[in-house]
Each structure stands twice: as structure tokens, then as C-alpha cells.
């Protein structure tokens, strides 16, 4: 995992996307609404998956007990990856982000909301979400499962599948091919550098493409 992490941290998402496409993969690009709180850098790593729903019958204690249980389960070296099935409450805030950051969790990707965003930015904990709101999960949201496949639109994210994103967007890399994708992405960037150098040296772009097979 360490070698794969190091390789992918050097890769931009567009080249990873192109590698997955060339391998015949489909439905791996997460929806455009999912955006990084801080667009600088790359978030990459295996997913710890969470699913949940709004439950207006839950009381504050019940929701906080369930939420802190999720924080306890989150493993270091993984990305907190949630399908909360609502665009009403925030799925990540100040204390939760700090807790996960201290545990060695790599970041958060939620098809939901974020709050306390200034604090999260100062903390440096990478978070991806859809909207911001001050409203939290207390008394309104409960997890229904962890460690199961979740769907974000047409993208299925299984536990341990790899998420990879930067300001251009995010893709999901199936766990069984992540090492191969990392190696091919690094090789593709090296080829792109050759094409760029050839064009800057005066070669026709089509000729450069035909010579290197990449553009």
C-alpha cells in the first residue's frame, strides 16, 4: 500500500481517469457536485464506507452515540467515505475532523454537507462534500451500515476501493487494479512529458501523437 500511495500522490486525476478508461473501466468518475473544500493537492487512499439516513424519531443521545461509534471504527490510512442519503445536515465538522485527523484517517468524502469549514481548512484535513450548512446530525441522522458497497450516483465504491481526487474531480479505482493503475499513471505522465517536449521543440502535434501514442 505504501508504494501505491506514494505513486498515486504524484499523479493528477485526469491521467488516472485516462488510465482507467484505457483499461475498459466504466462508471468510475464521481459526480461533479462533489468538490474539495481545499482544491490544492491530491486526496488518495482506500475507502472506509458509511451509509445512513435521516431519522427524525432519533433523539440527541442516540445520534451522538451512533456518530461517535463511527469515529471509533474509522481506520487509519483510509478515507472516510459516506453516502448519507440527504442534503440537509452536515456529515463532517470541527471535532469529528480533528478526531479523524489525529487517528491518521486520510480525509473525508461525503455525498453530503460540511460545516465548521474554516476550522477544517486550518486543520488541513482534506474534505470533499456537496454543500455547507451549520446544521449537524444531532437528533436527525443515523448510520445504517459500515464496510459495505455504497453508490454515489452510478459509481459503486466498495470497502477498500481507492478514491483519487484533485481540483479536477475524483475517480474510484477498484482495489484489485489499484497497483496496476498507479504504475500506468506514472508511465503515462512520463510519456506526456515526452509529447510536451517534442511539441515545444517544434514537432507537429499530430506527429507527436503518432510517435508517442499519447496526447
C-alpha atoms as a PDB file:
ATOM      1  CA  UNK A   1       0.000   0.000   0.000  1.00  0.00           C
ATOM      2  CA  UNK A   2       2.808   2.427   0.834  1.00  0.00           C
ATOM      3  CA  UNK A   3       4.310   2.228  -2.660  1.00  0.00           C
ATOM      4  CA  UNK A   4       0.900   2.627  -4.280  1.00  0.00           C
ATOM      5  CA  UNK A   5       0.131   5.623  -2.073  1.00  0.00           C
ATOM      6  CA  UNK A   6       3.445   7.267  -2.956  1.00  0.00           C
ATOM      7  CA  UNK A   7       2.932   6.694  -6.682  1.00  0.00           C
ATOM      8  CA  UNK A   8      -0.643   7.970  -6.738  1.00  0.00           C
ATOM      9  CA  UNK A   9       0.167  11.020  -4.655  1.00  0.00           C
ATOM     10  CA  UNK A  10       2.328  12.144  -7.576  1.00  0.00           C
ATOM     11  CA  UNK A  11      -0.473  11.678 -10.122  1.00  0.00           C
ATOM     12  CA  UNK A  12      -3.134  14.143 -11.192  1.00  0.00           C
ATOM     13  CA  UNK A  13      -6.668  12.844 -11.514  1.00  0.00           C
ATOM     14  CA  UNK A  14      -7.010  13.356 -15.262  1.00  0.00           C
ATOM     15  CA  UNK A  15      -4.220  10.894 -16.023  1.00  0.00           C
ATOM     16  CA  UNK A  16      -5.671   8.344 -13.585  1.00  0.00           C
ATOM     17  CA  UNK A  17      -9.031   8.769 -15.319  1.00  0.00           C
ATOM     18  CA  UNK A  18      -7.445   8.173 -18.717  1.00  0.00           C
ATOM     19  CA  UNK A  19      -5.710   5.023 -17.497  1.00  0.00           C
ATOM     20  CA  UNK A  20      -8.978   3.607 -16.141  1.00  0.00           C
ATOM     21  CA  UNK A  21     -10.726   4.437 -19.408  1.00  0.00           C
ATOM     22  CA  UNK A  22      -7.978   2.720 -21.425  1.00  0.00           C
ATOM     23  CA  UNK A  23      -8.435  -0.379 -19.262  1.00  0.00           C
ATOM     24  CA  UNK A  24     -12.092  -0.560 -20.271  1.00  0.00           C
ATOM     25  CA  UNK A  25     -13.465   0.527 -16.905  1.00  0.00           C
ATOM     26  CA  UNK A  26     -16.816   2.319 -16.716  1.00  0.00           C
ATOM     27  CA  UNK A  27     -18.755   4.283 -14.099  1.00  0.00           C
ATOM     28  CA  UNK A  28     -15.743   5.343 -12.084  1.00  0.00           C
ATOM     29  CA  UNK A  29     -15.982   9.169 -12.186  1.00  0.00           C
ATOM     30  CA  UNK A  30     -17.724  10.682  -9.171  1.00  0.00           C
ATOM     31  CA  UNK A  31     -20.352  13.377  -9.863  1.00  0.00           C
ATOM     32  CA  UNK A  32     -19.306  16.972 -10.450  1.00  0.00           C
ATOM     33  CA  UNK A  33     -21.249  18.202  -7.408  1.00  0.00           C
ATOM     34  CA  UNK A  34     -18.655  16.555  -5.153  1.00  0.00           C
ATOM     35  CA  UNK A  35     -15.945  19.169  -4.641  1.00  0.00           C
ATOM     36  CA  UNK A  36     -12.875  19.575  -2.399  1.00  0.00           C
ATOM     37  CA  UNK A  37     -13.033  22.118   0.400  1.00  0.00           C
ATOM     38  CA  UNK A  38      -9.402  22.918  -0.406  1.00  0.00           C
ATOM     39  CA  UNK A  39      -8.660  22.376  -4.120  1.00  0.00           C
ATOM     40  CA  UNK A  40      -4.896  22.227  -3.586  1.00  0.00           C
ATOM     41  CA  UNK A  41      -3.177  18.860  -3.511  1.00  0.00           C
ATOM     42  CA  UNK A  42      -4.353  15.286  -4.046  1.00  0.00           C
ATOM     43  CA  UNK A  43      -6.518  13.109  -1.818  1.00  0.00           C
ATOM     44  CA  UNK A  44      -5.899   9.433  -2.471  1.00  0.00           C
ATOM     45  CA  UNK A  45      -6.422   6.257  -0.474  1.00  0.00           C
ATOM     46  CA  UNK A  46      -8.708   3.290   0.254  1.00  0.00           C
ATOM     47  CA  UNK A  47     -12.311   3.887   1.275  1.00  0.00           C
ATOM     48  CA  UNK A  48     -13.905   3.231   4.657  1.00  0.00           C
ATOM     49  CA  UNK A  49     -17.552   3.210   3.603  1.00  0.00           C
ATOM     50  CA  UNK A  50     -20.533   4.510   5.570  1.00  0.00           C
ATOM     51  CA  UNK A  51     -24.236   4.702   4.783  1.00  0.00           C
ATOM     52  CA  UNK A  52     -27.028   6.363   6.711  1.00  0.00           C
ATOM     53  CA  UNK A  53     -30.339   8.190   6.582  1.00  0.00           C
ATOM     54  CA  UNK A  54     -32.329  10.977   8.178  1.00  0.00           C
ATOM     55  CA  UNK A  55     -34.335   9.694  11.159  1.00  0.00           C
ATOM     56  CA  UNK A  56     -36.474  12.396  12.748  1.00  0.00           C
ATOM     57  CA  UNK A  57     -37.525   9.976  15.514  1.00  0.00           C
ATOM     58  CA  UNK A  58     -33.963   9.688  16.848  1.00  0.00           C
ATOM     59  CA  UNK A  59     -33.012  11.648  19.946  1.00  0.00           C
ATOM     60  CA  UNK A  60     -29.786  13.590  20.520  1.00  0.00           C
ATOM     61  CA  UNK A  61     -28.155  10.887  22.661  1.00  0.00           C
ATOM     62  CA  UNK A  62     -28.948   8.142  20.153  1.00  0.00           C
ATOM     63  CA  UNK A  63     -27.481  10.063  17.236  1.00  0.00           C
ATOM     64  CA  UNK A  64     -24.355  11.147  19.119  1.00  0.00           C
ATOM     65  CA  UNK A  65     -23.752   7.608  20.377  1.00  0.00           C
ATOM     66  CA  UNK A  66     -24.006   6.279  16.833  1.00  0.00           C
ATOM     67  CA  UNK A  67     -21.835   9.066  15.420  1.00  0.00           C
ATOM     68  CA  UNK A  68     -19.031   8.616  17.943  1.00  0.00           C
ATOM     69  CA  UNK A  69     -19.204   4.897  17.199  1.00  0.00           C
ATOM     70  CA  UNK A  70     -18.459   5.673  13.565  1.00  0.00           C
ATOM     71  CA  UNK A  71     -15.480   7.798  14.567  1.00  0.00           C
ATOM     72  CA  UNK A  72     -14.194   4.906  16.682  1.00  0.00           C
ATOM     73  CA  UNK A  73     -14.469   2.477  13.756  1.00  0.00           C
ATOM     74  CA  UNK A  74     -12.696   4.643  11.170  1.00  0.00           C
ATOM     75  CA  UNK A  75      -9.291   3.068  10.399  1.00  0.00           C
ATOM     76  CA  UNK A  76      -6.062   4.989   9.908  1.00  0.00           C
ATOM     77  CA  UNK A  77      -4.783   5.153   6.354  1.00  0.00           C
ATOM     78  CA  UNK A  78      -8.306   5.228   4.887  1.00  0.00           C
ATOM     79  CA  UNK A  79     -10.710   7.841   3.546  1.00  0.00           C
ATOM     80  CA  UNK A  80     -13.993   8.334   5.400  1.00  0.00           C
ATOM     81  CA  UNK A  81     -16.440   7.791   2.512  1.00  0.00           C
ATOM     82  CA  UNK A  82     -20.131   8.405   3.164  1.00  0.00           C
ATOM     83  CA  UNK A  83     -23.445   8.157   1.368  1.00  0.00           C
ATOM     84  CA  UNK A  84     -25.725   9.940   3.876  1.00  0.00           C
ATOM     85  CA  UNK A  85     -28.803   9.988   1.609  1.00  0.00           C
ATOM     86  CA  UNK A  86     -29.645  13.599   2.370  1.00  0.00           C
ATOM     87  CA  UNK A  87     -28.649  17.143   1.507  1.00  0.00           C
ATOM     88  CA  UNK A  88     -29.934  18.560   4.790  1.00  0.00           C
ATOM     89  CA  UNK A  89     -27.361  18.022   7.547  1.00  0.00           C
ATOM     90  CA  UNK A  90     -23.573  18.221   7.641  1.00  0.00           C
ATOM     91  CA  UNK A  91     -21.671  14.942   7.752  1.00  0.00           C
ATOM     92  CA  UNK A  92     -18.359  16.399   8.908  1.00  0.00           C
ATOM     93  CA  UNK A  93     -17.472  19.209  11.295  1.00  0.00           C
ATOM     94  CA  UNK A  94     -14.764  20.539  13.572  1.00  0.00           C
ATOM     95  CA  UNK A  95     -14.486  17.938  16.336  1.00  0.00           C
ATOM     96  CA  UNK A  96     -15.074  14.966  14.053  1.00  0.00           C
ATOM     97  CA  UNK A  97     -12.462  16.160  11.563  1.00  0.00           C
ATOM     98  CA  UNK A  98      -9.924  16.710  14.322  1.00  0.00           C
ATOM     99  CA  UNK A  99     -10.631  13.274  15.788  1.00  0.00           C
ATOM    100  CA  UNK A 100     -10.172  11.543  12.430  1.00  0.00           C
ATOM    101  CA  UNK A 101      -7.099  13.608  11.595  1.00  0.00           C
ATOM    102  CA  UNK A 102      -5.443  12.587  14.871  1.00  0.00           C
ATOM    103  CA  UNK A 103      -6.289   8.935  14.185  1.00  0.00           C
ATOM    104  CA  UNK A 104      -4.452   9.056  10.848  1.00  0.00           C
ATOM    105  CA  UNK A 105      -7.545   8.977   8.631  1.00  0.00           C
ATOM    106  CA  UNK A 106      -6.533  10.454   5.270  1.00  0.00           C
ATOM    107  CA  UNK A 107      -9.603  12.584   4.592  1.00  0.00           C
ATOM    108  CA  UNK A 108     -13.356  12.688   4.146  1.00  0.00           C
ATOM    109  CA  UNK A 109     -15.515  12.260   1.044  1.00  0.00           C
ATOM    110  CA  UNK A 110     -19.254  12.635   1.602  1.00  0.00           C
ATOM    111  CA  UNK A 111     -22.147  12.978  -0.796  1.00  0.00           C
ATOM    112  CA  UNK A 112     -23.495  15.436   1.749  1.00  0.00           C
ATOM    113  CA  UNK A 113     -22.648  18.524   3.740  1.00  0.00           C
ATOM    114  CA  UNK A 114     -19.729  20.027   5.627  1.00  0.00           C
ATOM    115  CA  UNK A 115     -19.687  22.549   8.471  1.00  0.00           C
ATOM    116  CA  UNK A 116     -17.024  24.345  10.539  1.00  0.00           C
ATOM    117  CA  UNK A 117     -15.211  24.683   7.242  1.00  0.00           C
ATOM    118  CA  UNK A 118     -12.810  27.423   8.315  1.00  0.00           C
ATOM    119  CA  UNK A 119     -11.589  25.214  11.152  1.00  0.00           C
ATOM    120  CA  UNK A 120     -11.247  22.204   8.834  1.00  0.00           C
ATOM    121  CA  UNK A 121      -9.211  24.288   6.398  1.00  0.00           C
ATOM    122  CA  UNK A 122      -6.902  25.440   9.190  1.00  0.00           C
ATOM    123  CA  UNK A 123      -6.595  21.856  10.411  1.00  0.00           C
ATOM    124  CA  UNK A 124      -5.527  20.677   6.973  1.00  0.00           C
ATOM    125  CA  UNK A 125      -7.861  17.679   6.932  1.00  0.00           C
ATOM    126  CA  UNK A 126      -8.902  17.076   3.296  1.00  0.00           C
ATOM    127  CA  UNK A 127     -12.688  17.084   2.961  1.00  0.00           C
ATOM    128  CA  UNK A 128     -14.907  16.695  -0.078  1.00  0.00           C
ATOM    129  CA  UNK A 129     -18.614  17.459   0.021  1.00  0.00           C
ATOM    130  CA  UNK A 130     -21.608  18.883  -1.796  1.00  0.00           C
ATOM    131  CA  UNK A 131     -22.741  21.839   0.334  1.00  0.00           C
ATOM    132  CA  UNK A 132     -22.134  23.723   3.576  1.00  0.00           C
ATOM    133  CA  UNK A 133     -24.617  24.089   6.425  1.00  0.00           C
ATOM    134  CA  UNK A 134     -24.446  24.783  10.166  1.00  0.00           C
ATOM    135  CA  UNK A 135     -26.980  22.009  10.813  1.00  0.00           C
ATOM    136  CA  UNK A 136     -25.432  18.783  12.159  1.00  0.00           C
ATOM    137  CA  UNK A 137     -26.540  15.162  12.655  1.00  0.00           C
ATOM    138  CA  UNK A 138     -27.721  15.586  16.264  1.00  0.00           C
ATOM    139  CA  UNK A 139     -31.285  14.378  16.638  1.00  0.00           C
ATOM    140  CA  UNK A 140     -31.777  13.833  12.920  1.00  0.00           C
ATOM    141  CA  UNK A 141     -29.388  11.331  11.275  1.00  0.00           C
ATOM    142  CA  UNK A 142     -28.277   7.764  11.983  1.00  0.00           C
ATOM    143  CA  UNK A 143     -25.825   5.423  10.241  1.00  0.00           C
ATOM    144  CA  UNK A 144     -27.324   2.248   8.816  1.00  0.00           C
ATOM    145  CA  UNK A 145     -24.171   0.351   7.779  1.00  0.00           C
ATOM    146  CA  UNK A 146     -20.390   0.491   7.502  1.00  0.00           C
ATOM    147  CA  UNK A 147     -17.969  -1.521   5.427  1.00  0.00           C
ATOM    148  CA  UNK A 148     -20.483  -2.147   2.637  1.00  0.00           C
ATOM    149  CA  UNK A 149     -20.604  -1.106  -1.028  1.00  0.00           C
ATOM    150  CA  UNK A 150     -22.181   2.328  -1.431  1.00  0.00           C
ATOM    151  CA  UNK A 151     -23.324   4.186  -4.528  1.00  0.00           C
ATOM    152  CA  UNK A 152     -22.675   7.822  -5.365  1.00  0.00           C
ATOM    153  CA  UNK A 153     -24.835   8.180  -8.459  1.00  0.00           C
ATOM    154  CA  UNK A 154     -23.645   5.452 -10.860  1.00  0.00           C
ATOM    155  CA  UNK A 155     -20.306   4.908  -9.099  1.00  0.00           C
ATOM    156  CA  UNK A 156     -20.121   1.955  -6.735  1.00  0.00           C
ATOM    157  CA  UNK A 157     -17.494   2.348  -4.008  1.00  0.00           C
ATOM    158  CA  UNK A 158     -16.636  -0.870  -2.208  1.00  0.00           C
ATOM    159  CA  UNK A 159     -14.709  -1.028   1.066  1.00  0.00           C
ATOM    160  CA  UNK A 160     -11.030  -0.776   0.153  1.00  0.00           C
ATOM    161  CA  UNK A 161     -11.603   0.633  -3.323  1.00  0.00           C
ATOM    162  CA  UNK A 162      -9.314   3.585  -3.885  1.00  0.00           C
ATOM    163  CA  UNK A 163     -10.533   7.169  -4.210  1.00  0.00           C
ATOM    164  CA  UNK A 164      -8.321   9.637  -6.041  1.00  0.00           C
ATOM    165  CA  UNK A 165      -9.131  13.316  -6.446  1.00  0.00           C
ATOM    166  CA  UNK A 166      -7.815  16.821  -7.018  1.00  0.00           C
ATOM    167  CA  UNK A 167      -9.393  20.089  -8.186  1.00  0.00           C
ATOM    168  CA  UNK A 168     -10.411  18.422 -11.490  1.00  0.00           C
ATOM    169  CA  UNK A 169     -12.641  15.895  -9.710  1.00  0.00           C
ATOM    170  CA  UNK A 170     -12.487  12.430  -8.218  1.00  0.00           C
ATOM    171  CA  UNK A 171     -12.402   8.851  -9.509  1.00  0.00           C
ATOM    172  CA  UNK A 172     -12.841   5.462  -7.870  1.00  0.00           C
ATOM    173  CA  UNK A 173     -10.195   2.823  -8.594  1.00  0.00           C
ATOM    174  CA  UNK A 174     -11.227  -0.808  -7.959  1.00  0.00           C
ATOM    175  CA  UNK A 175      -8.994  -2.291  -5.292  1.00  0.00           C
ATOM    176  CA  UNK A 176      -7.924  -5.229  -7.453  1.00  0.00           C
ATOM    177  CA  UNK A 177      -6.296  -2.960 -10.056  1.00  0.00           C
ATOM    178  CA  UNK A 178      -5.037  -0.059  -7.956  1.00  0.00           C
ATOM    179  CA  UNK A 179      -1.363  -1.058  -8.112  1.00  0.00           C
ATOM    180  CA  UNK A 180      -1.570  -1.511 -11.901  1.00  0.00           C
ATOM    181  CA  UNK A 181      -3.337   1.841 -12.309  1.00  0.00           C
ATOM    182  CA  UNK A 182      -0.699   3.619 -10.214  1.00  0.00           C
ATOM    183  CA  UNK A 183       2.144   2.245 -12.324  1.00  0.00           C
ATOM    184  CA  UNK A 184       0.398   3.006 -15.615  1.00  0.00           C
ATOM    185  CA  UNK A 185      -0.484   6.539 -14.491  1.00  0.00           C
ATOM    186  CA  UNK A 186       3.136   7.314 -13.640  1.00  0.00           C
ATOM    187  CA  UNK A 187       4.234   5.880 -17.006  1.00  0.00           C
ATOM    188  CA  UNK A 188       1.564   7.918 -18.820  1.00  0.00           C
ATOM    189  CA  UNK A 189       2.789  11.134 -17.203  1.00  0.00           C
ATOM    190  CA  UNK A 190       6.315  10.357 -18.385  1.00  0.00           C
ATOM    191  CA  UNK A 191       5.026   9.876 -21.952  1.00  0.00           C
ATOM    192  CA  UNK A 192       3.061  13.126 -21.743  1.00  0.00           C
ATOM    193  CA  UNK A 193       6.289  14.869 -20.824  1.00  0.00           C
ATOM    194  CA  UNK A 194       7.914  13.483 -23.983  1.00  0.00           C
ATOM    195  CA  UNK A 195       4.993  14.707 -26.106  1.00  0.00           C
ATOM    196  CA  UNK A 196       5.108  18.140 -24.486  1.00  0.00           C
ATOM    197  CA  UNK A 197       8.847  18.411 -25.050  1.00  0.00           C
ATOM    198  CA  UNK A 198       8.500  17.341 -28.683  1.00  0.00           C
ATOM    199  CA  UNK A 199       5.795  19.943 -29.380  1.00  0.00           C
ATOM    200  CA  UNK A 200       7.753  22.693 -27.628  1.00  0.00           C
ATOM    201  CA  UNK A 201      10.749  21.730 -29.754  1.00  0.00           C
ATOM    202  CA  UNK A 202       8.672  22.335 -32.892  1.00  0.00           C
ATOM    203  CA  UNK A 203       7.180  18.918 -33.753  1.00  0.00           C
ATOM    204  CA  UNK A 204       3.668  18.949 -35.232  1.00  0.00           C
ATOM    205  CA  UNK A 205       1.176  17.863 -32.536  1.00  0.00           C
ATOM    206  CA  UNK A 206      -0.298  15.099 -34.694  1.00  0.00           C
ATOM    207  CA  UNK A 207       3.180  13.803 -35.453  1.00  0.00           C
ATOM    208  CA  UNK A 208       3.976  13.890 -31.744  1.00  0.00           C
ATOM    209  CA  UNK A 209       0.812  11.921 -31.004  1.00  0.00           C
ATOM    210  CA  UNK A 210       1.586   9.311 -33.658  1.00  0.00           C
ATOM    211  CA  UNK A 211       5.145   8.957 -32.404  1.00  0.00           C
ATOM    212  CA  UNK A 212       4.331   8.612 -28.690  1.00  0.00           C
ATOM    213  CA  UNK A 213       0.736   7.388 -28.786  1.00  0.00           C
ATOM    214  CA  UNK A 214      -0.350   9.972 -26.234  1.00  0.00           C
ATOM    215  CA  UNK A 215      -1.720  13.490 -26.206  1.00  0.00           C
END
